[in-house]
């Protein structure tokens, strides 16, 4: 449905944003916001642009640029000053759900308003991983007019093309959106930015407090210091500050540590698979901090809970290494309110039931490069098969009946394990009455077709 365009082709196109023909002098920072309000967030987008103006706008050290696409209206490119948002480009209707439009915006902005450091904000609805009536929708920047959005894998493509075009990574990449601070998303952008700022939980409609954020963007501030500043003022704004009182999360990740975090995750997964910790993992999953989509859990809290309950030396070593890697990756974590009190700064995908696990998860770079999905499937097998076989051995087939009713293509790997071990227990070891054997045989036959 989408045609892919290389950055070299993009460079040959006339600038659709009509930015100044000659680049301005290089400044310390260029702060650019890809503000997709072509949806029910329209009024909040207009309000956030006003907050940027209130902060004082661009100055001798800072450029503030905002591409604003409003609901049912054409987009405008705005150069933010203390006197207001000056329209410097009118690109018309822009498909903000097309990653190529994001690339074009960042590249052309960097060329027209060069700086030593670049901070890019992607503003919109975010979903992390979201299951709607069986359809998995994952990503960011949903455009209601086009029906498109930017997928997790397209973020990798976008940041790679941006780096090629402008000759450097983005210093700070931010999601002013819900549910995007997940390891699966961070892994997708790790090679294209130095720091990632985002929220594990849904964001209130007010989103980022741009006035407070931009007040801290001054000459000499380092990318890490600015990322920390963003997190601090965000948390403060929802803790009785400018946005009132709400439970919220915001954290900053150091992307150069994510490869080391990957290695620690794989060590943790190997230790988990080697042991029989199904009960402990189930208890930890039940107690772990969860977010708006219950399939998103706080990674650090989950690791701490498993470490507290599993005393095996090898597992303890692996969990300690993973906690240390998480501590190095998460440079700051900001919270407000009670509902998010156990959030540590980074979420991960772990549905409670195998039938809810997305089959598309395997397509993510994170899933391909780590053992996380393998470990999760191993966990499902340990808690599901063991329980079902034990129940049937007692003559109780109700659990198996419920499992068969909910099974689908998402948990075929687990179902295959159930079928193999149930067949062995019921028909090889024997000892069950004929009626139970017949029931099990029929249900396993149905399960094979799920």
Protein backbone atom coordinates (compact mmCIF):
# COMPACT_ATOMS: atom_id res chain seq x y z
CA UNK A 1 0.00 0.00 0.00
CA UNK A 2 2.92 2.31 0.69
CA UNK A 3 5.81 3.05 -1.64
CA UNK A 4 9.21 3.29 -0.04
CA UNK A 5 11.39 6.24 -1.02
CA UNK A 6 15.08 6.53 -0.25
CA UNK A 7 16.46 9.61 1.43
CA UNK A 8 18.44 10.35 -1.71
CA UNK A 9 15.23 10.71 -3.69
CA UNK A 10 13.77 12.88 -0.95
CA UNK A 11 16.79 15.14 -1.17
CA UNK A 12 16.06 15.80 -4.83
CA UNK A 13 12.51 16.92 -4.19
CA UNK A 14 11.59 20.57 -3.88
CA UNK A 15 10.93 21.43 -0.28
CA UNK A 16 7.23 20.87 0.31
CA UNK A 17 7.36 22.91 3.49
CA UNK A 18 8.55 26.11 1.76
CA UNK A 19 11.19 26.80 4.40
CA UNK A 20 13.69 29.64 3.84
CA UNK A 21 15.68 29.17 0.62
CA UNK A 22 18.99 29.70 2.39
CA UNK A 23 19.85 28.13 5.69
CA UNK A 24 20.01 30.29 8.78
CA UNK A 25 23.21 30.50 10.85
CA UNK A 26 23.91 27.46 12.97
CA UNK A 27 22.48 27.68 16.47
CA UNK A 28 22.95 25.57 19.58
CA UNK A 29 19.63 23.69 19.35
CA UNK A 30 16.77 23.15 16.93
CA UNK A 31 13.64 21.86 18.65
CA UNK A 32 11.16 20.45 16.12
CA UNK A 33 7.65 19.12 16.73
CA UNK A 34 5.84 16.84 14.28
CA UNK A 35 2.41 17.73 15.65
CA UNK A 36 -0.26 15.43 14.27
CA UNK A 37 -3.56 16.85 15.53
CA UNK A 38 -5.51 15.49 12.56
CA UNK A 39 -7.74 13.62 15.00
CA UNK A 40 -9.65 14.23 18.24
CA UNK A 41 -6.58 15.89 19.82
CA UNK A 42 -6.94 19.01 17.65
CA UNK A 43 -7.62 21.46 20.47
CA UNK A 44 -4.71 20.12 22.53
CA UNK A 45 -2.38 20.62 19.56
CA UNK A 46 -3.37 24.26 19.23
CA UNK A 47 -2.86 24.68 22.96
CA UNK A 48 0.61 23.15 22.87
CA UNK A 49 1.69 25.49 20.07
CA UNK A 50 0.54 28.38 22.26
CA UNK A 51 2.64 26.98 25.13
CA UNK A 52 5.73 27.04 22.89
CA UNK A 53 5.09 30.73 22.20
CA UNK A 54 4.60 31.41 25.91
CA UNK A 55 8.04 29.95 26.62
CA UNK A 56 9.58 32.81 24.68
CA UNK A 57 9.93 31.23 21.27
CA UNK A 58 13.12 31.02 19.22
CA UNK A 59 16.14 33.14 20.12
CA UNK A 60 19.81 33.57 19.23
CA UNK A 61 20.59 30.06 20.48
CA UNK A 62 17.44 28.06 19.75
CA UNK A 63 15.12 27.39 16.82
CA UNK A 64 11.60 26.16 17.59
CA UNK A 65 9.78 24.70 14.58
CA UNK A 66 6.37 23.06 14.57
CA UNK A 67 4.60 21.29 11.71
CA UNK A 68 0.94 21.45 12.77
CA UNK A 69 -1.66 19.37 10.94
CA UNK A 70 -5.11 20.14 12.30
CA UNK A 71 -8.27 18.08 12.11
CA UNK A 72 -9.91 18.43 8.68
CA UNK A 73 -7.54 21.23 7.74
CA UNK A 74 -4.27 21.80 5.89
CA UNK A 75 -0.93 21.65 7.67
CA UNK A 76 1.20 24.69 8.43
CA UNK A 77 4.91 24.96 9.15
CA UNK A 78 5.47 27.38 12.03
CA UNK A 79 8.56 29.18 13.25
CA UNK A 80 7.81 29.92 16.89
CA UNK A 81 8.73 33.39 18.21
CA UNK A 82 7.90 35.27 21.39
CA UNK A 83 5.28 37.20 19.43
CA UNK A 84 3.53 34.14 18.05
CA UNK A 85 3.81 31.23 15.66
CA UNK A 86 4.90 32.62 12.29
CA UNK A 87 3.72 30.52 9.33
CA UNK A 88 6.77 29.91 7.11
CA UNK A 89 5.32 27.11 5.00
CA UNK A 90 1.95 25.85 3.81
CA UNK A 91 2.40 22.28 2.58
CA UNK A 92 -1.35 21.63 2.36
CA UNK A 93 -2.80 18.34 3.50
CA UNK A 94 0.01 16.14 4.86
CA UNK A 95 -0.35 12.45 5.64
CA UNK A 96 1.15 12.53 9.12
CA UNK A 97 0.77 8.75 9.29
CA UNK A 98 3.40 8.33 6.56
CA UNK A 99 6.91 7.97 7.97
CA UNK A 100 8.30 9.62 4.82
CA UNK A 101 6.55 12.86 5.75
CA UNK A 102 8.26 12.76 9.14
CA UNK A 103 11.64 12.20 7.45
CA UNK A 104 10.99 15.08 5.07
CA UNK A 105 10.02 17.39 7.93
CA UNK A 106 13.11 16.65 10.03
CA UNK A 107 15.57 16.75 7.12
CA UNK A 108 14.26 19.98 5.64
CA UNK A 109 14.03 21.62 9.06
CA UNK A 110 17.61 20.65 9.90
CA UNK A 111 18.81 22.08 6.59
CA UNK A 112 16.88 25.32 6.93
CA UNK A 113 17.58 25.75 10.66
CA UNK A 114 20.95 24.05 11.33
CA UNK A 115 22.09 23.45 14.88
CA UNK A 116 24.67 21.55 16.90
CA UNK A 117 21.91 19.57 18.58
CA UNK A 118 18.49 18.40 17.42
CA UNK A 119 15.49 17.45 19.52
CA UNK A 120 12.56 15.94 17.65
CA UNK A 121 9.12 15.40 19.17
CA UNK A 122 6.55 13.09 17.58
CA UNK A 123 3.16 14.28 18.86
CA UNK A 124 -0.02 12.21 18.59
CA UNK A 125 -1.81 9.13 19.85
CA UNK A 126 0.53 6.26 20.62
CA UNK A 127 -0.35 2.63 21.25
CA UNK A 128 2.76 0.58 21.93
CA UNK A 129 0.90 -2.70 21.31
CA UNK A 130 -2.88 -2.60 21.03
CA UNK A 131 -5.42 -5.35 20.29
CA UNK A 132 -8.70 -4.07 18.86
CA UNK A 133 -11.23 -6.78 17.95
CA UNK A 134 -8.45 -9.17 17.08
CA UNK A 135 -6.55 -6.65 14.93
CA UNK A 136 -3.12 -5.68 16.17
CA UNK A 137 -2.46 -1.98 15.70
CA UNK A 138 0.95 -0.84 16.81
CA UNK A 139 2.70 2.44 16.34
CA UNK A 140 2.38 6.20 16.46
CA UNK A 141 1.05 9.24 14.57
CA UNK A 142 -2.44 8.15 13.56
CA UNK A 143 -3.86 10.36 10.80
CA UNK A 144 -7.65 10.21 10.72
CA UNK A 145 -7.94 11.51 7.16
CA UNK A 146 -5.54 9.03 5.57
CA UNK A 147 -6.16 6.16 7.99
CA UNK A 148 -2.40 5.59 8.17
CA UNK A 149 0.03 5.45 11.08
CA UNK A 150 3.79 5.02 11.51
CA UNK A 151 4.69 1.49 12.55
CA UNK A 152 7.42 0.47 14.97
CA UNK A 153 9.62 -0.93 12.20
CA UNK A 154 9.13 2.24 10.12
CA UNK A 155 10.62 4.26 12.97
CA UNK A 156 13.90 2.43 12.38
CA UNK A 157 13.78 3.28 8.68
CA UNK A 158 12.90 6.91 9.36
CA UNK A 159 15.74 7.56 11.80
CA UNK A 160 18.27 5.82 9.57
CA UNK A 161 17.26 8.01 6.61
CA UNK A 162 17.42 11.13 8.77
CA UNK A 163 20.93 10.32 9.99
CA UNK A 164 22.09 9.68 6.42
CA UNK A 165 20.61 12.97 5.22
CA UNK A 166 21.77 15.33 8.00
CA UNK A 167 24.98 13.53 8.93
CA UNK A 168 24.19 12.93 12.59
CA UNK A 169 21.80 11.17 14.93
CA UNK A 170 19.03 13.05 16.66
CA UNK A 171 20.30 14.06 20.06
CA UNK A 172 16.92 13.64 21.75
CA UNK A 173 13.91 11.85 20.28
CA UNK A 174 10.60 12.21 22.13
CA UNK A 175 7.11 10.75 21.98
CA UNK A 176 4.51 13.20 23.24
CA UNK A 177 2.08 10.31 23.08
CA UNK A 178 0.73 7.44 25.12
CA UNK A 179 2.36 4.11 25.96
CA UNK A 180 5.49 4.43 23.82
CA UNK A 181 8.26 3.88 26.40
CA UNK A 182 8.54 0.16 25.68
CA UNK A 183 11.71 -1.80 25.04
CA UNK A 184 10.24 -2.96 21.73
CA UNK A 185 9.95 0.66 20.56
CA UNK A 186 13.24 1.79 22.11
CA UNK A 187 15.02 -1.04 20.32
CA UNK A 188 13.64 0.21 17.01
CA UNK A 189 15.10 3.71 17.42
CA UNK A 190 18.30 2.90 19.37
CA UNK A 191 20.67 3.47 16.44
CA UNK A 192 19.12 6.75 15.33
CA UNK A 193 19.03 8.81 18.52
CA UNK A 194 21.16 9.37 21.60
CA UNK A 195 18.28 9.72 24.10
CA UNK A 196 14.64 8.65 24.05
CA UNK A 197 12.05 10.44 26.18
CA UNK A 198 8.56 8.90 26.45
CA UNK A 199 5.81 7.60 28.72
CA UNK A 200 5.06 4.03 29.78
CA UNK A 201 1.47 4.99 30.62
CA UNK A 202 -1.17 6.97 28.78
CA UNK A 203 -0.56 10.71 28.80
CA UNK A 204 -3.28 13.13 29.90
CA UNK A 205 -4.66 15.25 27.06
CA UNK A 206 -2.44 18.19 28.01
CA UNK A 207 0.62 16.11 27.13
CA UNK A 208 3.98 17.84 27.43
CA UNK A 209 4.24 21.12 29.38
CA UNK A 210 6.00 22.93 26.53
CA UNK A 211 6.42 26.21 28.35
CA UNK A 212 8.38 24.58 31.17
CA UNK A 213 10.25 22.27 28.79
CA UNK A 214 11.45 25.03 26.48
CA UNK A 215 12.37 27.36 29.32
CA UNK A 216 15.09 24.82 30.14
CA UNK A 217 16.46 24.65 26.60
CA UNK A 218 19.41 27.03 26.86
CA UNK A 219 22.84 27.46 25.37
CA UNK A 220 25.28 24.97 26.82
CA UNK A 221 22.72 22.42 27.98
CA UNK A 222 23.78 18.89 27.03
CA UNK A 223 21.40 16.38 25.42
CA UNK A 224 21.36 14.25 28.57
CA UNK A 225 20.72 17.26 30.80
CA UNK A 226 17.88 18.40 28.56
CA UNK A 227 16.34 14.91 28.49
CA UNK A 228 16.43 14.84 32.29
CA UNK A 229 14.93 18.33 32.43
CA UNK A 230 12.04 17.22 30.22
CA UNK A 231 11.26 14.30 32.52
CA UNK A 232 11.46 16.41 35.66
CA UNK A 233 9.18 19.20 34.48
CA UNK A 234 6.70 16.72 32.99
CA UNK A 235 6.32 14.90 36.32
CA UNK A 236 6.10 18.19 38.21
CA UNK A 237 3.40 19.53 35.90
CA UNK A 238 1.08 16.64 36.86
CA UNK A 239 2.03 16.71 40.53
CA UNK A 240 0.08 19.86 41.38
CA UNK A 241 1.83 21.90 38.68
CA UNK A 242 0.58 23.56 35.52
CA UNK A 243 -1.45 20.51 34.45
CA UNK A 244 -2.99 19.75 37.82
CA UNK A 245 -2.88 16.33 39.43
CA UNK A 246 -2.79 13.06 37.48
CA UNK A 247 -1.00 9.73 37.62
CA UNK A 248 1.69 9.91 34.97
CA UNK A 249 4.99 8.45 33.84
CA UNK A 250 7.90 9.86 31.85
CA UNK A 251 11.45 8.59 31.52
CA UNK A 252 14.60 9.07 29.48
CA UNK A 253 16.69 6.25 28.05
CA UNK A 254 20.32 6.31 26.96
CA UNK A 255 20.17 4.55 23.62
CA UNK A 256 23.84 3.55 23.55
CA UNK A 257 23.13 1.20 26.48
CA UNK A 258 20.33 -0.70 24.76
CA UNK A 259 22.60 -3.27 23.08
CA UNK A 260 24.05 -4.14 26.50
CA UNK A 261 20.50 -4.33 27.84
CA UNK A 262 19.65 -6.78 25.05
CA UNK A 263 22.49 -9.06 26.11
CA UNK A 264 21.33 -8.95 29.73
CA UNK A 265 17.77 -9.75 28.64
CA UNK A 266 19.01 -12.82 26.79
CA UNK A 267 20.92 -13.96 29.87
CA UNK A 268 17.78 -13.55 31.98
CA UNK A 269 15.72 -15.49 29.45
CA UNK A 270 18.21 -18.37 29.37
CA UNK A 271 18.16 -18.63 33.17
CA UNK A 272 14.36 -18.56 33.22
CA UNK A 273 14.04 -21.26 30.56
CA UNK A 274 16.55 -23.48 32.37
CA UNK A 275 14.46 -23.59 35.53
CA UNK A 276 10.92 -24.54 36.43
CA UNK A 277 9.68 -21.14 37.58
CA UNK A 278 6.21 -21.05 36.11
CA UNK A 279 4.48 -20.43 39.44
CA UNK A 280 6.90 -17.66 40.42
CA UNK A 281 6.60 -15.96 37.03
CA UNK A 282 2.81 -16.14 37.18
CA UNK A 283 2.77 -14.54 40.63
CA UNK A 284 5.16 -11.80 39.48
CA UNK A 285 3.07 -11.12 36.38
CA UNK A 286 -0.07 -10.84 38.47
CA UNK A 287 1.59 -8.30 40.80
CA UNK A 288 3.66 -6.33 38.30
CA UNK A 289 2.86 -2.70 37.47
CA UNK A 290 0.58 -2.65 34.46
CA UNK A 291 -0.54 0.17 32.25
CA UNK A 292 -3.64 1.13 30.25
CA UNK A 293 -3.13 -1.86 27.97
CA UNK A 294 -2.73 -4.68 30.44
CA UNK A 295 -0.35 -6.48 28.10
CA UNK A 296 2.20 -3.74 28.89
CA UNK A 297 3.99 -4.35 32.19
CA UNK A 298 6.82 -2.49 33.86
CA UNK A 299 9.98 -4.40 33.05
CA UNK A 300 12.05 -3.44 36.09
CA UNK A 301 9.24 -4.17 38.54
CA UNK A 302 8.67 -7.60 36.99
CA UNK A 303 12.37 -8.47 37.19
CA UNK A 304 12.52 -7.38 40.84
CA UNK A 305 9.49 -9.51 41.72
CA UNK A 306 10.92 -12.63 40.08
CA UNK A 307 14.27 -12.04 41.74
CA UNK A 308 12.62 -11.82 45.15
CA UNK A 309 10.85 -15.16 44.74
CA UNK A 310 13.41 -17.28 42.83
CA UNK A 311 16.49 -18.05 44.92
CA UNK A 312 18.39 -20.14 42.37
CA UNK A 313 21.95 -18.81 42.16
CA UNK A 314 22.15 -18.76 38.36
CA UNK A 315 18.82 -16.97 38.10
CA UNK A 316 19.85 -14.45 40.77
CA UNK A 317 23.02 -13.67 38.82
CA UNK A 318 21.10 -13.16 35.58
CA UNK A 319 18.46 -10.99 37.29
CA UNK A 320 21.13 -8.84 38.93
CA UNK A 321 22.84 -8.28 35.57
CA UNK A 322 19.51 -7.34 33.99
CA UNK A 323 18.69 -4.90 36.78
CA UNK A 324 22.13 -3.30 36.42
CA UNK A 325 21.63 -2.96 32.65
CA UNK A 326 18.21 -1.39 33.18
CA UNK A 327 19.72 1.08 35.65
CA UNK A 328 22.33 2.16 33.08
CA UNK A 329 19.75 2.47 30.29
CA UNK A 330 17.14 4.45 32.25
CA UNK A 331 18.91 7.72 33.07
CA UNK A 332 15.89 9.23 34.84
CA UNK A 333 12.35 8.19 35.74
CA UNK A 334 9.65 10.68 36.69
CA UNK A 335 6.30 9.77 38.25
CA UNK A 336 3.23 11.48 39.63
CA UNK A 337 0.16 10.04 41.33
CA UNK A 338 -0.49 6.71 43.01
CA UNK A 339 -1.52 4.44 40.14
CA UNK A 340 1.96 4.43 38.61
CA UNK A 341 3.97 4.14 41.83
CA UNK A 342 5.75 0.91 40.75
CA UNK A 343 6.75 2.11 37.29
CA UNK A 344 10.53 2.12 36.89
CA UNK A 345 10.88 3.68 33.44
CA UNK A 346 10.56 0.99 30.78
CA UNK A 347 7.68 -1.30 29.79
CA UNK A 348 7.67 -4.64 27.98
CA UNK A 349 5.01 -6.76 26.27
CA UNK A 350 3.82 -9.73 28.33
CA UNK A 351 0.13 -10.75 28.06
CA UNK A 352 -1.23 -12.81 30.94
CA UNK A 353 -2.61 -15.49 28.60
CA UNK A 354 -1.05 -17.20 25.62
CA UNK A 355 -4.16 -16.71 23.46
CA UNK A 356 -3.60 -12.94 23.69
CA UNK A 357 0.00 -12.96 22.47
CA UNK A 358 0.29 -11.22 19.09
CA UNK A 359 1.50 -13.43 16.28
CA UNK A 360 2.95 -10.29 14.66
CA UNK A 361 5.32 -9.73 17.58
CA UNK A 362 7.87 -11.96 15.88
CA UNK A 363 8.29 -9.35 13.12
CA UNK A 364 9.82 -6.79 15.49
CA UNK A 365 13.58 -6.34 15.52
CA UNK A 366 13.52 -6.80 19.30
CA UNK A 367 11.79 -10.16 18.97
CA UNK A 368 14.28 -11.30 16.35
CA UNK A 369 17.35 -10.23 18.33
CA UNK A 370 16.33 -11.46 21.79
CA UNK A 371 15.01 -14.59 23.46
CA UNK A 372 12.09 -12.75 25.06
CA UNK A 373 9.36 -14.35 22.94
CA UNK A 374 10.97 -17.78 23.34
CA UNK A 375 11.03 -17.33 27.11
CA UNK A 376 7.43 -16.12 27.21
CA UNK A 377 6.24 -19.12 25.21
CA UNK A 378 8.23 -21.41 27.52
CA UNK A 379 6.50 -19.76 30.49
CA UNK A 380 3.06 -20.27 28.94
CA UNK A 381 3.84 -23.94 28.38
CA UNK A 382 5.03 -24.44 31.94
CA UNK A 383 1.98 -22.87 33.56
CA UNK A 384 -0.62 -24.05 31.04
CA UNK A 385 0.34 -27.61 30.14
CA UNK A 386 1.35 -28.63 33.64
CA UNK A 387 -1.94 -27.37 35.10
CA UNK A 388 -4.14 -28.90 32.41
CA UNK A 389 -2.46 -32.31 32.55
CA UNK A 390 -2.74 -32.39 36.36
CA UNK A 391 -6.46 -31.50 36.20
CA UNK A 392 -7.25 -34.15 33.61
CA UNK A 393 -5.31 -36.74 35.63
CA UNK A 394 -7.83 -36.04 38.42
CA UNK A 395 -10.70 -36.49 35.98
CA UNK A 396 -11.43 -32.75 35.65
CA UNK A 397 -11.64 -31.68 31.98
CA UNK A 398 -13.17 -28.22 32.57
CA UNK A 399 -9.82 -26.42 32.32
CA UNK A 400 -8.97 -28.17 29.06
CA UNK A 401 -12.43 -27.30 27.73
CA UNK A 402 -11.89 -23.62 28.53
CA UNK A 403 -8.44 -23.64 26.97
CA UNK A 404 -9.72 -25.16 23.73
CA UNK A 405 -12.53 -22.57 23.59
CA UNK A 406 -10.08 -19.64 23.72
CA UNK A 407 -7.20 -21.12 21.71
CA UNK A 408 -6.34 -19.49 18.37
CA UNK A 409 -3.47 -18.94 15.97
CA UNK A 410 -1.67 -16.80 18.56
CA UNK A 411 -0.89 -19.72 20.86
CA UNK A 412 -0.45 -22.66 18.49
CA UNK A 413 3.01 -23.33 19.90
CA UNK A 414 1.54 -23.73 23.38
CA UNK A 415 -1.34 -25.80 22.03
CA UNK A 416 1.09 -28.20 20.36
CA UNK A 417 2.78 -28.70 23.73
CA UNK A 418 -0.59 -29.31 25.40
CA UNK A 419 -1.57 -31.87 22.74
CA UNK A 420 1.73 -33.80 22.96
CA UNK A 421 1.85 -34.02 26.75
CA UNK A 422 -1.88 -34.61 27.16
CA UNK A 423 -1.76 -37.50 24.69
CA UNK A 424 1.11 -39.07 26.58
CA UNK A 425 -0.58 -38.75 29.96
CA UNK A 426 -4.03 -39.89 28.90
CA UNK A 427 -3.32 -42.51 26.26
CA UNK A 428 0.20 -43.73 27.02
CA UNK A 429 0.19 -43.76 30.81
CA UNK A 430 -3.54 -44.53 30.98
CA UNK A 431 -5.51 -45.03 34.16
CA UNK A 432 -8.45 -42.79 33.24
CA UNK A 433 -12.00 -43.92 32.58
CA UNK A 434 -13.30 -44.32 29.03
CA UNK A 435 -15.58 -41.26 29.18
CA UNK A 436 -12.69 -38.98 30.16
CA UNK A 437 -10.49 -40.45 27.44
CA UNK A 438 -13.22 -39.84 24.84
CA UNK A 439 -13.72 -36.24 26.00
CA UNK A 440 -10.02 -35.53 25.88
CA UNK A 441 -9.64 -37.15 22.45
CA UNK A 442 -12.43 -34.99 21.00
CA UNK A 443 -11.10 -31.79 22.55
CA UNK A 444 -7.56 -32.43 21.35
CA UNK A 445 -8.94 -33.01 17.87
CA UNK A 446 -10.64 -29.61 18.03
CA UNK A 447 -7.49 -28.01 19.38
CA UNK A 448 -5.44 -29.21 16.40
CA UNK A 449 -7.68 -27.16 14.11
CA UNK A 450 -7.46 -23.94 16.09
